[in-house]
C-alpha atoms as a PDB file:
ATOM      1  CA  MET A   1      17.188  10.124 -16.253  1.00  0.00           C
ATOM      2  CA  ASP A   2      18.400  13.640 -15.141  1.00  0.00           C
ATOM      3  CA  ALA A   3      21.266  13.872 -13.080  1.00  0.00           C
ATOM      4  CA  PRO A   4      20.093  14.833  -9.758  1.00  0.00           C
ATOM      5  CA  THR A   5      21.333  17.861  -7.936  1.00  0.00           C
ATOM      6  CA  PRO A   6      23.691  17.626  -4.400  1.00  0.00           C
ATOM      7  CA  TYR A   7      20.501  18.430  -2.772  1.00  0.00           C
ATOM      8  CA  GLN A   8      17.752  15.925  -4.141  1.00  0.00           C
ATOM      9  CA  PRO A   9      19.153  12.073  -4.376  1.00  0.00           C
ATOM     10  CA  THR A  10      17.967   9.529  -5.672  1.00  0.00           C
ATOM     11  CA  ILE A  11      17.231   6.834  -3.496  1.00  0.00           C
ATOM     12  CA  ALA A  12      15.930   3.244  -3.569  1.00  0.00           C
ATOM     13  CA  VAL A  13      13.927   1.531  -0.328  1.00  0.00           C
ATOM     14  CA  ILE A  14      14.122  -2.390   0.606  1.00  0.00           C
ATOM     15  CA  PRO A  15      11.853  -3.208   2.711  1.00  0.00           C
ATOM     16  CA  ALA A  16      13.493  -6.925   3.652  1.00  0.00           C
ATOM     17  CA  PHE A  17      12.426 -10.083   5.957  1.00  0.00           C
ATOM     18  CA  ASN A  18      14.570 -12.724   6.335  1.00  0.00           C
ATOM     19  CA  GLU A  19      16.084 -11.737   3.136  1.00  0.00           C
ATOM     20  CA  ALA A  20      20.016 -12.764   3.418  1.00  0.00           C
ATOM     21  CA  ARG A  21      20.135 -14.590   0.459  1.00  0.00           C
ATOM     22  CA  PHE A  22      19.382 -12.025  -2.108  1.00  0.00           C
ATOM     23  CA  ILE A  23      19.435  -8.710  -0.243  1.00  0.00           C
ATOM     24  CA  GLY A  24      23.215  -8.352  -0.974  1.00  0.00           C
ATOM     25  CA  SER A  25      23.079  -9.105  -4.680  1.00  0.00           C
ATOM     26  CA  VAL A  26      19.555  -6.733  -4.983  1.00  0.00           C
ATOM     27  CA  VAL A  27      21.489  -4.138  -3.193  1.00  0.00           C
ATOM     28  CA  LEU A  28      24.652  -3.882  -5.132  1.00  0.00           C
ATOM     29  CA  ALA A  29      22.148  -4.129  -8.426  1.00  0.00           C
ATOM     30  CA  ALA A  30      19.957  -1.324  -7.356  1.00  0.00           C
ATOM     31  CA  ARG A  31      23.484   1.043  -6.441  1.00  0.00           C
ATOM     32  CA  ALA A  32      24.267   1.321  -9.674  1.00  0.00           C
ATOM     33  CA  TYR A  33      21.038   3.548 -10.525  1.00  0.00           C
ATOM     34  CA  VAL A  34      20.342   5.303  -7.535  1.00  0.00           C
ATOM     35  CA  ASP A  35      22.411   7.664  -5.279  1.00  0.00           C
ATOM     36  CA  GLN A  36      22.051   6.003  -1.821  1.00  0.00           C
ATOM     37  CA  VAL A  37      19.836   2.848  -1.142  1.00  0.00           C
ATOM     38  CA  ILE A  38      17.600   2.091   2.139  1.00  0.00           C
ATOM     39  CA  VAL A  39      17.071  -1.307   3.596  1.00  0.00           C
ATOM     40  CA  VAL A  40      14.725  -1.576   6.226  1.00  0.00           C
ATOM     41  CA  ASP A  41      15.187  -4.695   8.382  1.00  0.00           C
ATOM     42  CA  ASP A  42      12.038  -5.735   9.612  1.00  0.00           C
ATOM     43  CA  GLY A  43      13.064  -8.218  12.304  1.00  0.00           C
ATOM     44  CA  SER A  44      14.865 -10.199  10.806  1.00  0.00           C
ATOM     45  CA  THR A  45      16.191 -13.184  12.327  1.00  0.00           C
ATOM     46  CA  ASP A  46      18.716 -13.903   9.527  1.00  0.00           C
ATOM     47  CA  GLN A  47      21.756 -11.838   8.644  1.00  0.00           C
ATOM     48  CA  THR A  48      20.139  -9.389   6.229  1.00  0.00           C
ATOM     49  CA  ALA A  49      20.832  -6.004   7.979  1.00  0.00           C
ATOM     50  CA  ALA A  50      24.960  -7.492   8.632  1.00  0.00           C
ATOM     51  CA  ILE A  51      24.510  -8.022   4.359  1.00  0.00           C
ATOM     52  CA  ALA A  52      22.737  -5.019   3.273  1.00  0.00           C
ATOM     53  CA  CYS A  53      25.653  -2.729   5.351  1.00  0.00           C
ATOM     54  CA  LYS A  54      28.063  -5.071   3.600  1.00  0.00           C
ATOM     55  CA  ALA A  55      26.408  -4.157   0.308  1.00  0.00           C
ATOM     56  CA  GLY A  56      26.727  -0.348   0.620  1.00  0.00           C
ATOM     57  CA  ALA A  57      23.670   0.346   1.931  1.00  0.00           C
ATOM     58  CA  VAL A  58      21.749   2.394   5.094  1.00  0.00           C
ATOM     59  CA  VAL A  59      19.904   0.054   7.058  1.00  0.00           C
ATOM     60  CA  VAL A  60      16.718   0.632   9.369  1.00  0.00           C
ATOM     61  CA  GLN A  61      16.509  -1.684  11.402  1.00  0.00           C
ATOM     62  CA  HIS A  62      12.692  -2.793  13.942  1.00  0.00           C
ATOM     63  CA  GLN A  63      13.907  -4.775  16.759  1.00  0.00           C
ATOM     64  CA  GLN A  64      10.586  -7.147  15.599  1.00  0.00           C
ATOM     65  CA  ASN A  65       8.536  -7.916  13.158  1.00  0.00           C
ATOM     66  CA  ARG A  66       6.272  -5.107  12.135  1.00  0.00           C
ATOM     67  CA  GLY A  67       4.341  -6.091   8.542  1.00  0.00           C
ATOM     68  CA  LYS A  68       5.567  -4.686   5.389  1.00  0.00           C
ATOM     69  CA  ALA A  69       3.007  -1.138   6.656  1.00  0.00           C
ATOM     70  CA  ALA A  70       5.488  -0.394   9.691  1.00  0.00           C
ATOM     71  CA  ALA A  71       9.017  -0.699   7.615  1.00  0.00           C
ATOM     72  CA  VAL A  72       7.617   1.653   4.815  1.00  0.00           C
ATOM     73  CA  ASN A  73       6.450   3.771   7.252  1.00  0.00           C
ATOM     74  CA  SER A  74      10.220   3.572   8.566  1.00  0.00           C
ATOM     75  CA  ALA A  75      11.248   3.941   5.072  1.00  0.00           C
ATOM     76  CA  PHE A  76       9.253   7.290   4.408  1.00  0.00           C
ATOM     77  CA  ALA A  77      10.371   9.038   7.417  1.00  0.00           C
ATOM     78  CA  TYR A  78      14.152   8.677   7.300  1.00  0.00           C
ATOM     79  CA  VAL A  79      14.246   9.349   3.434  1.00  0.00           C
ATOM     80  CA  ARG A  80      11.653  12.678   3.827  1.00  0.00           C
ATOM     81  CA  GLN A  81      14.710  13.935   6.085  1.00  0.00           C
ATOM     82  CA  LEU A  82      16.895  14.188   3.023  1.00  0.00           C
ATOM     83  CA  ASN A  83      14.997  15.723   0.734  1.00  0.00           C
ATOM     84  CA  PRO A  84      15.245  13.429  -2.516  1.00  0.00           C
ATOM     85  CA  LEU A  85      13.919  13.905  -5.722  1.00  0.00           C
ATOM     86  CA  ALA A  86      12.610  10.935  -5.882  1.00  0.00           C
ATOM     87  CA  VAL A  87      12.434   7.352  -4.664  1.00  0.00           C
ATOM     88  CA  VAL A  88      12.198   4.307  -5.774  1.00  0.00           C
ATOM     89  CA  MET A  89      11.075   1.049  -3.742  1.00  0.00           C
ATOM     90  CA  LEU A  90      11.339  -2.410  -4.882  1.00  0.00           C
ATOM     91  CA  ASP A  91      11.418  -5.906  -3.037  1.00  0.00           C
ATOM     92  CA  GLY A  92      14.292  -7.993  -1.697  1.00  0.00           C
ATOM     93  CA  ASP A  93      13.987 -11.016  -2.587  1.00  0.00           C
ATOM     94  CA  GLY A  94      15.589 -10.585  -6.143  1.00  0.00           C
ATOM     95  CA  GLN A  95      12.151 -11.068  -8.295  1.00  0.00           C
ATOM     96  CA  HIS A  96      12.784  -7.347  -9.110  1.00  0.00           C
ATOM     97  CA  HIS A  97      15.136  -6.294 -11.781  1.00  0.00           C
ATOM     98  CA  ALA A  98      17.704  -3.180 -10.977  1.00  0.00           C
ATOM     99  CA  SER A  99      17.979  -2.300 -14.623  1.00  0.00           C
ATOM    100  CA  ASP A 100      13.949  -1.208 -14.429  1.00  0.00           C
ATOM    101  CA  ILE A 101      14.629   1.455 -12.259  1.00  0.00           C
ATOM    102  CA  PRO A 102      15.163   4.006 -14.478  1.00  0.00           C
ATOM    103  CA  SER A 103      12.374   3.634 -16.838  1.00  0.00           C
ATOM    104  CA  VAL A 104      10.083   3.713 -13.184  1.00  0.00           C
ATOM    105  CA  LEU A 105      11.724   6.853 -11.753  1.00  0.00           C
ATOM    106  CA  ALA A 106      11.713   8.691 -14.875  1.00  0.00           C
ATOM    107  CA  PRO A 107       7.895   9.934 -14.403  1.00  0.00           C
ATOM    108  CA  ILE A 108       8.470  11.319 -11.406  1.00  0.00           C
ATOM    109  CA  CYS A 109      11.794  12.892 -12.259  1.00  0.00           C
ATOM    110  CA  ARG A 110       9.986  14.811 -14.988  1.00  0.00           C
ATOM    111  CA  GLY A 111       7.287  16.297 -12.906  1.00  0.00           C
ATOM    112  CA  GLU A 112       4.400  13.708 -14.763  1.00  0.00           C
ATOM    113  CA  ALA A 113       3.392  11.834 -11.486  1.00  0.00           C
ATOM    114  CA  ASP A 114       3.665  11.522  -7.914  1.00  0.00           C
ATOM    115  CA  ILE A 115       3.525   7.304  -7.886  1.00  0.00           C
ATOM    116  CA  VAL A 116       4.816   5.538 -10.174  1.00  0.00           C
ATOM    117  CA  VAL A 117       3.735   1.046 -10.499  1.00  0.00           C
ATOM    118  CA  GLY A 118       6.168  -0.922 -12.131  1.00  0.00           C
ATOM    119  CA  SER A 119       3.612  -3.025 -13.838  1.00  0.00           C
ATOM    120  CA  ARG A 120       3.856  -6.553 -14.659  1.00  0.00           C
ATOM    121  CA  TYR A 121       1.093  -6.645 -17.577  1.00  0.00           C
ATOM    122  CA  CYS A 122       2.477  -3.545 -19.183  1.00  0.00           C
ATOM    123  CA  GLY A 123       3.599  -4.541 -22.322  1.00  0.00           C
ATOM    124  CA  ILE A 124       6.550  -6.795 -20.695  1.00  0.00           C
ATOM    125  CA  GLN A 125       5.861 -10.366 -21.056  1.00  0.00           C
ATOM    126  CA  SER A 126       7.402 -12.014 -17.932  1.00  0.00           C
ATOM    127  CA  SER A 127       7.321 -15.868 -17.426  1.00  0.00           C
ATOM    128  CA  ILE A 128       4.588 -15.660 -13.976  1.00  0.00           C
ATOM    129  CA  PRO A 129       3.331 -18.525 -12.528  1.00  0.00           C
ATOM    130  CA  ALA A 130      -0.424 -19.107 -13.491  1.00  0.00           C
ATOM    131  CA  TYR A 131      -1.738 -19.042  -9.936  1.00  0.00           C
ATOM    132  CA  ARG A 132      -0.101 -15.682  -9.371  1.00  0.00           C
ATOM    133  CA  LYS A 133      -1.139 -14.193 -12.670  1.00  0.00           C
ATOM    134  CA  VAL A 134      -4.959 -15.534 -11.641  1.00  0.00           C
ATOM    135  CA  GLY A 135      -4.814 -14.166  -7.713  1.00  0.00           C
ATOM    136  CA  GLN A 136      -3.143 -10.755  -9.115  1.00  0.00           C
ATOM    137  CA  PHE A 137      -5.716 -10.228 -12.024  1.00  0.00           C
ATOM    138  CA  GLY A 138      -8.224 -11.059  -8.976  1.00  0.00           C
ATOM    139  CA  LEU A 139      -7.056  -8.695  -6.189  1.00  0.00           C
ATOM    140  CA  THR A 140      -6.188  -5.564  -9.150  1.00  0.00           C
ATOM    141  CA  ALA A 141      -9.860  -5.589 -10.509  1.00  0.00           C
ATOM    142  CA  ILE A 142     -10.970  -5.587  -6.291  1.00  0.00           C
ATOM    143  CA  THR A 143      -8.655  -2.959  -5.721  1.00  0.00           C
ATOM    144  CA  ASN A 144      -9.179  -0.680  -9.089  1.00  0.00           C
ATOM    145  CA  LEU A 145     -12.729  -0.952  -7.948  1.00  0.00           C
ATOM    146  CA  ALA A 146     -12.898  -0.156  -4.445  1.00  0.00           C
ATOM    147  CA  SER A 147     -10.663   2.581  -4.555  1.00  0.00           C
ATOM    148  CA  GLY A 148     -12.227   3.963  -7.552  1.00  0.00           C
ATOM    149  CA  VAL A 149      -8.052   4.193  -8.991  1.00  0.00           C
ATOM    150  CA  GLN A 150      -7.588   2.212 -12.452  1.00  0.00           C
ATOM    151  CA  VAL A 151      -3.889   0.081 -12.908  1.00  0.00           C
ATOM    152  CA  SER A 152      -3.236  -2.882 -14.371  1.00  0.00           C
ATOM    153  CA  ASP A 153      -0.925  -4.149 -11.556  1.00  0.00           C
ATOM    154  CA  SER A 154      -2.245  -3.364  -8.130  1.00  0.00           C
ATOM    155  CA  GLN A 155      -0.195  -5.346  -5.910  1.00  0.00           C
ATOM    156  CA  SER A 156       3.467  -5.187  -7.327  1.00  0.00           C
ATOM    157  CA  GLY A 157       5.676  -3.711  -5.149  1.00  0.00           C
ATOM    158  CA  PHE A 158       8.463  -2.126  -7.608  1.00  0.00           C
ATOM    159  CA  ARG A 159       7.035   1.735  -7.098  1.00  0.00           C
ATOM    160  CA  ALA A 160       8.709   5.165  -7.266  1.00  0.00           C
ATOM    161  CA  PHE A 161       7.541   8.258  -5.501  1.00  0.00           C
ATOM    162  CA  SER A 162       7.942  12.061  -5.209  1.00  0.00           C
ATOM    163  CA  ARG A 163       8.481  14.435  -2.430  1.00  0.00           C
ATOM    164  CA  ALA A 164       4.790  15.189  -2.627  1.00  0.00           C
ATOM    165  CA  ALA A 165       3.879  11.655  -1.863  1.00  0.00           C
ATOM    166  CA  LEU A 166       6.521  11.334   0.150  1.00  0.00           C
ATOM    167  CA  THR A 167       4.900  14.120   2.233  1.00  0.00           C
ATOM    168  CA  THR A 168       1.267  12.654   1.879  1.00  0.00           C
ATOM    169  CA  LEU A 169       1.468   8.963   2.643  1.00  0.00           C
ATOM    170  CA  SER A 170       1.262   7.053   5.857  1.00  0.00           C
ATOM    171  CA  PHE A 171       0.159   3.526   5.733  1.00  0.00           C
ATOM    172  CA  THR A 172      -1.967   1.758   9.074  1.00  0.00           C
ATOM    173  CA  GLY A 173      -2.298  -1.415   7.434  1.00  0.00           C
ATOM    174  CA  ASP A 174      -2.893  -4.566   9.798  1.00  0.00           C
ATOM    175  CA  GLY A 175       1.027  -5.880   9.157  1.00  0.00           C
ATOM    176  CA  GLY A 176       0.141  -7.619   6.284  1.00  0.00           C
ATOM    177  CA  PHE A 177       0.045  -7.050   2.764  1.00  0.00           C
ATOM    178  CA  SER A 178      -2.578  -4.437   1.543  1.00  0.00           C
ATOM    179  CA  ILE A 179      -0.196  -1.918   1.487  1.00  0.00           C
ATOM    180  CA  GLU A 180      -0.554  -1.910  -2.310  1.00  0.00           C
ATOM    181  CA  SER A 181      -4.051  -1.400  -2.302  1.00  0.00           C
ATOM    182  CA  GLU A 182      -3.961   1.103   0.438  1.00  0.00           C
ATOM    183  CA  MET A 183      -1.817   3.315  -1.313  1.00  0.00           C
ATOM    184  CA  GLN A 184      -4.628   3.236  -4.041  1.00  0.00           C
ATOM    185  CA  PHE A 185      -6.731   4.595  -1.839  1.00  0.00           C
ATOM    186  CA  GLN A 186      -4.965   7.336  -0.566  1.00  0.00           C
ATOM    187  CA  VAL A 187      -3.779   7.973  -3.955  1.00  0.00           C
ATOM    188  CA  ARG A 188      -7.947   9.071  -4.699  1.00  0.00           C
ATOM    189  CA  ASP A 189      -7.706  11.085  -1.048  1.00  0.00           C
ATOM    190  CA  HIS A 190      -4.545  12.796  -2.005  1.00  0.00           C
ATOM    191  CA  ALA A 191      -5.273  13.654  -5.436  1.00  0.00           C
ATOM    192  CA  LEU A 192      -2.362  12.211  -6.033  1.00  0.00           C
ATOM    193  CA  ARG A 193      -1.049  11.454 -10.050  1.00  0.00           C
ATOM    194  CA  ILE A 194      -0.525   8.510 -10.834  1.00  0.00           C
ATOM    195  CA  THR A 195       1.215   6.444 -13.796  1.00  0.00           C
ATOM    196  CA  GLU A 196       2.322   2.621 -14.645  1.00  0.00           C
ATOM    197  CA  ALA A 197       5.823   1.818 -15.778  1.00  0.00           C
ATOM    198  CA  PRO A 198       6.660  -1.479 -17.101  1.00  0.00           C
ATOM    199  CA  ILE A 199       9.010  -4.006 -15.512  1.00  0.00           C
ATOM    200  CA  ASN A 200      10.546  -7.150 -15.744  1.00  0.00           C
ATOM    201  CA  VAL A 201      10.153 -10.164 -12.881  1.00  0.00           C
ATOM    202  CA  THR A 202      11.514 -13.343 -12.261  1.00  0.00           C
ATOM    203  CA  TYR A 203      10.342 -15.698  -9.673  1.00  0.00           C
ATOM    204  CA  ALA A 204      13.115 -18.434  -9.470  1.00  0.00           C
ATOM    205  CA  GLU A 205      11.455 -20.193  -6.323  1.00  0.00           C
ATOM    206  CA  LYS A 206       8.132 -20.986  -4.788  1.00  0.00           C
ATOM    207  CA  ALA A 207       6.303 -18.227  -2.743  1.00  0.00           C
ATOM    208  CA  LYS A 208       7.715 -18.232   1.075  1.00  0.00           C
ATOM    209  CA  ARG A 209       3.852 -17.079   2.328  1.00  0.00           C
ATOM    210  CA  ASN A 210       1.048 -19.212   1.466  1.00  0.00           C
ATOM    211  CA  PRO A 211      -0.991 -17.291  -1.123  1.00  0.00           C
ATOM    212  CA  PHE A 212      -4.221 -18.112  -0.616  1.00  0.00           C
ATOM    213  CA  ALA A 213      -3.055 -17.166   2.990  1.00  0.00           C
ATOM    214  CA  GLN A 214      -1.671 -13.766   1.425  1.00  0.00           C
ATOM    215  CA  GLY A 215      -4.193 -13.397  -0.958  1.00  0.00           C
ATOM    216  CA  TRP A 216      -7.031 -13.692   1.715  1.00  0.00           C
ATOM    217  CA  GLN A 217      -4.900 -10.891   4.402  1.00  0.00           C
ATOM    218  CA  VAL A 218      -5.159  -8.374   1.515  1.00  0.00           C
ATOM    219  CA  LEU A 219      -9.199  -8.891   0.817  1.00  0.00           C
ATOM    220  CA  ARG A 220      -9.259  -8.179   4.481  1.00  0.00           C
ATOM    221  CA  GLY A 221      -7.292  -5.098   4.599  1.00  0.00           C
ATOM    222  CA  ILE A 222      -9.241  -3.707   1.052  1.00  0.00           C
ATOM    223  CA  ALA A 223     -12.861  -4.496   3.095  1.00  0.00           C
ATOM    224  CA  GLY A 224     -11.339  -2.652   5.956  1.00  0.00           C
ATOM    225  CA  MET A 225     -10.046   0.387   3.994  1.00  0.00           C
ATOM    226  CA  VAL A 226     -13.645   0.477   2.098  1.00  0.00           C
ATOM    227  CA  ARG A 227     -15.318   0.702   5.669  1.00  0.00           C
ATOM    228  CA  GLN A 228     -12.910   3.392   6.241  1.00  0.00           C
ATOM    229  CA  THR A 229     -12.242   5.487   3.481  1.00  0.00           C
ATOM    230  CA  ARG A 230     -15.439   5.043   1.431  1.00  0.00           C
ATOM    231  CA  PRO A 231     -17.921   4.854   3.936  1.00  0.00           C
ATOM    232  CA  LEU A 232     -20.875   5.968   1.346  1.00  0.00           C
ATOM    233  CA  LEU A 233     -19.422   2.376  -0.802  1.00  0.00           C
ATOM    234  CA  PHE A 234     -19.388   0.313   2.203  1.00  0.00           C
ATOM    235  CA  CYS A 235     -22.772   1.448   3.281  1.00  0.00           C
ATOM    236  CA  ALA A 236     -24.575   1.648  -0.189  1.00  0.00           C
ATOM    237  CA  ALA A 237     -23.597  -2.294  -0.521  1.00  0.00           C
ATOM    238  CA  VAL A 238     -24.715  -3.108   3.411  1.00  0.00           C
ATOM    239  CA  SER A 239     -27.749  -1.049   2.072  1.00  0.00           C
ATOM    240  CA  ALA A 240     -28.281  -2.978  -1.019  1.00  0.00           C
ATOM    241  CA  ILE A 241     -28.230  -6.384   1.161  1.00  0.00           C
ATOM    242  CA  LEU A 242     -30.693  -5.297   3.477  1.00  0.00           C
ATOM    243  CA  LEU A 243     -33.371  -3.854   1.194  1.00  0.00           C
ATOM    244  CA  SER A 244     -33.032  -6.507  -1.342  1.00  0.00           C
ATOM    245  CA  VAL A 245     -33.519  -9.292   1.267  1.00  0.00           C
ATOM    246  CA  GLY A 246     -36.264  -7.324   2.759  1.00  0.00           C
ATOM    247  CA  LEU A 247     -38.291  -6.852  -0.459  1.00  0.00           C
ATOM    248  CA  ILE A 248     -37.918 -10.365  -1.786  1.00  0.00           C
ATOM    249  CA  TRP A 249     -39.224 -11.326   1.694  1.00  0.00           C
ATOM    250  CA  GLY A 250     -41.848  -8.356   0.994  1.00  0.00           C
ATOM    251  CA  TRP A 251     -42.895 -10.007  -2.223  1.00  0.00           C
ATOM    252  CA  ALA A 252     -43.583 -13.383  -0.956  1.00  0.00           C
ATOM    253  CA  LEU A 253     -45.224 -12.227   1.831  1.00  0.00           C
ATOM    254  CA  ILE A 254     -47.532 -10.504  -0.533  1.00  0.00           C
ATOM    255  CA  SER A 255     -47.352 -13.456  -2.822  1.00  0.00           C
ATOM    256  CA  SER A 256     -48.672 -15.570  -0.087  1.00  0.00           C
ATOM    257  CA  TYR A 257     -52.073 -13.313   1.471  1.00  0.00           C
ATOM    258  CA  SER A 258     -52.874 -13.706  -2.051  1.00  0.00           C
ATOM    259  CA  ALA A 259     -52.729 -17.444  -1.816  1.00  0.00           C
ATOM    260  CA  ARG A 260     -53.993 -17.818   1.823  1.00  0.00           C
ATOM    261  CA  GLN A 261     -55.331 -14.443   2.735  1.00  0.00           C
ATOM    262  CA  ALA A 262     -53.091 -14.580   6.011  1.00  0.00           C
ATOM    263  CA  ILE A 263     -49.513 -13.054   6.791  1.00  0.00           C
ATOM    264  CA  ASP A 264     -47.504 -14.274   9.649  1.00  0.00           C
ATOM    265  CA  PRO A 265     -46.702 -11.201  11.636  1.00  0.00           C
ATOM    266  CA  LEU A 266     -43.569 -12.296  12.796  1.00  0.00           C
ATOM    267  CA  ALA A 267     -42.130 -12.632   9.037  1.00  0.00           C
ATOM    268  CA  GLY A 268     -43.755  -9.375   8.388  1.00  0.00           C
ATOM    269  CA  LEU A 269     -42.231  -7.392  11.126  1.00  0.00           C
ATOM    270  CA  LEU A 270     -38.854  -8.528  10.037  1.00  0.00           C
ATOM    271  CA  THR A 271     -39.578  -7.349   6.482  1.00  0.00           C
ATOM    272  CA  ILE A 272     -40.230  -3.763   7.841  1.00  0.00           C
ATOM    273  CA  LEU A 273     -37.044  -4.114  10.149  1.00  0.00           C
ATOM    274  CA  LEU A 274     -34.897  -5.290   7.076  1.00  0.00           C
ATOM    275  CA  THR A 275     -36.017  -2.732   4.787  1.00  0.00           C
ATOM    276  CA  VAL A 276     -36.279   0.719   7.700  1.00  0.00           C
ATOM    277  CA  PHE A 277     -32.265  -0.992   8.558  1.00  0.00           C
ATOM    278  CA  GLY A 278     -31.653  -0.549   4.914  1.00  0.00           C
ATOM    279  CA  VAL A 279     -32.139   2.964   4.527  1.00  0.00           C
ATOM    280  CA  VAL A 280     -31.144   4.058   7.793  1.00  0.00           C
ATOM    281  CA  VAL A 281     -27.525   2.317   7.272  1.00  0.00           C
ATOM    282  CA  LEU A 282     -27.921   4.473   3.874  1.00  0.00           C
ATOM    283  CA  PHE A 283     -28.378   7.768   5.257  1.00  0.00           C
ATOM    284  CA  ALA A 284     -25.607   6.849   7.766  1.00  0.00           C
ATOM    285  CA  GLY A 285     -23.253   6.319   4.508  1.00  0.00           C
ATOM    286  CA  VAL A 286     -24.150   9.321   3.665  1.00  0.00           C
ATOM    287  CA  VAL A 287     -23.553  11.104   7.026  1.00  0.00           C
ATOM    288  CA  LEU A 288     -20.076   9.066   7.372  1.00  0.00           C
ATOM    289  CA  HIS A 289     -19.312  10.362   3.618  1.00  0.00           C
ATOM    290  CA  ALA A 290     -19.840  13.790   4.313  1.00  0.00           C
ATOM    291  CA  THR A 291     -18.036  14.024   7.351  1.00  0.00           C
ATOM    292  CA  ARG A 292     -14.918  12.091   6.225  1.00  0.00           C
ATOM    293  CA  ALA A 293     -14.450  14.478   3.414  1.00  0.00           C
ATOM    294  CA  MET A 294     -14.524  17.347   6.136  1.00  0.00           C
ATOM    295  CA  LEU A 295     -11.858  15.771   8.010  1.00  0.00           C
ATOM    296  CA  VAL A 296      -9.731  15.422   5.023  1.00  0.00           C
ATOM    297  CA  ARG A 297      -9.530  18.710   4.179  1.00  0.00           C
ATOM    298  CA  VAL A 298      -8.979  19.145   7.825  1.00  0.00           C
ATOM    299  CA  GLN A 299      -5.958  16.836   7.638  1.00  0.00           C
ATOM    300  CA  HIS A 300      -4.473  18.900   3.972  1.00  0.00           C
ATOM    301  CA  THR A 301      -4.603  22.154   5.771  1.00  0.00           C
ATOM    302  CA  LEU A 302      -2.894  20.800   8.910  1.00  0.00           C
ATOM    303  CA  ALA A 303      -0.202  18.915   6.750  1.00  0.00           C
ATOM    304  CA  ASP A 304       0.545  21.618   4.867  1.00  0.00           C
ATOM    305  CA  HIS A 305       1.382  23.670   8.201  1.00  0.00           C
ATOM    306  CA  SER A 306       3.313  20.872   9.152  1.00  0.00           C
ATOM    307  CA  GLY A 307       7.221  20.401   8.273  1.00  0.00           C
ATOM    308  CA  SER A 308       7.948  18.327  11.215  1.00  0.00           C
ATOM    309  CA  VAL A 309       8.697  14.341  11.050  1.00  0.00           C
ATOM    310  CA  GLN A 310       9.404  12.073  13.210  1.00  0.00           C
ATOM    311  CA  MET A 311      10.324   8.334  13.824  1.00  0.00           C
ATOM    312  CA  ASP A 312       9.734   6.149  16.769  1.00  0.00           C
ATOM    313  CA  ASN A 313      11.012   2.412  17.280  1.00  0.00           C
ATOM    314  CA  ILE A 314      13.690   2.354  14.977  1.00  0.00           C
ATOM    315  CA  ARG A 315      17.429   3.119  14.635  1.00  0.00           C
ATOM    316  CA  SER A 316      19.887   3.110  11.890  1.00  0.00           C
ATOM    317  CA  ILE A 317      22.555   1.588  11.624  1.00  0.00           C
ATOM    318  CA  ARG A 318      25.652   1.613   8.469  1.00  0.00           C
ATOM    319  CA  LEU A 319      29.173   0.455   8.632  1.00  0.00           C
ATOM    320  CA  PRO A 320      30.134   3.688  10.500  1.00  0.00           C
ATOM    321  CA  GLU A 321      32.781   5.998  11.301  1.00  0.00           C
ATOM    322  CA  ARG A 322      30.464   8.260  12.821  1.00  0.00           C
ATOM    323  CA  GLU A 323      27.898   8.456  14.975  1.00  0.00           C
ATOM    324  CA  GLN A 324      24.606  10.863  15.731  1.00  0.00           C
ATOM    325  CA  ARG A 325      21.892  10.563  18.240  1.00  0.00           C
ATOM    326  CA  ARG A 326      18.503  12.445  17.668  1.00  0.00           C
ATOM    327  CA  ASP A 327      15.695  12.296  20.345  1.00  0.00           C
ATOM    328  CA  ASP A 328      15.638   7.997  20.535  1.00  0.00           C
ATOM    329  CA  VAL A 329      16.492   7.549  17.007  1.00  0.00           C
ATOM    330  CA  LEU A 330      20.484   6.291  16.858  1.00  0.00           C
ATOM    331  CA  ILE A 331      21.791   7.004  13.388  1.00  0.00           C
ATOM    332  CA  HIS A 332      25.248   5.762  12.159  1.00  0.00           C
ATOM    333  CA  THR A 333      26.542   7.474   9.248  1.00  0.00           C
ATOM    334  CA  GLN A 334      30.295   7.715   7.390  1.00  0.00           C
ATOM    335  CA  ALA A 335      31.742  10.842   8.091  1.00  0.00           C
END
């Protein structure tokens, strides 16, 4: 990895919620490979923030648990002020190996990519529980199909970002864990370059969250993103269902008429309505697609002229020697 200039540091970001058991060792390990480590304590009720501080991290704190999407938004808002060369994000539960940070950062530092996904299925064979593999493969297939962007591990939280990605990415997840999938949709929207790098993982303990509930949450998030970001695909799917039911019902009516020389008026009306609604929904999808494309172009134009960054409802702490207030955000840094 090329040595960063003093004004272009490499930074590690670690979203964390009640990770007091692992966060200290994760921070210490990451500091060996980057210039600065930032931990976003998302309303933890344990000693996550205090331990991260003592391990040498800057800690951005949420007063309440707001979800991973909000945590990453806060992290990105903070690091944009530092003009980093590259940012790497990893989980705070110890599953990721800090020794993989250089290989995940390398495509960003060489200017070859805007997002690098640390993939568990890209050349390195780690010991991954079978139920996790099934869920990860399934969610990856659905995310790839829905977003139109292909990766081998859509749910990996080990990722690196360029300055261009930091400028454009902002997440609206419902507080759950669909942020990685949402990222793939934004890659397409913002024409970001994405690649993958192999990583190792260690699953030393059982999952803290119910994997089925988490998977369902991700699926709901993907469905919402398809509706919002790919309205033509969403409407086409709904239209196909309506038209298929209408055509099947219509064929059944024709067969019934051939046999009995009579048609149920209510069934005939329902067939017509299904067919008409199917066509209307498809037309609406075309209109929404065109409208969204125009709005995305306007958004890109506004982003090009905007250099300001806002940070709301967060405060940053570190073992302080100097204190500084910017707007309503309290930032502690060492002198």
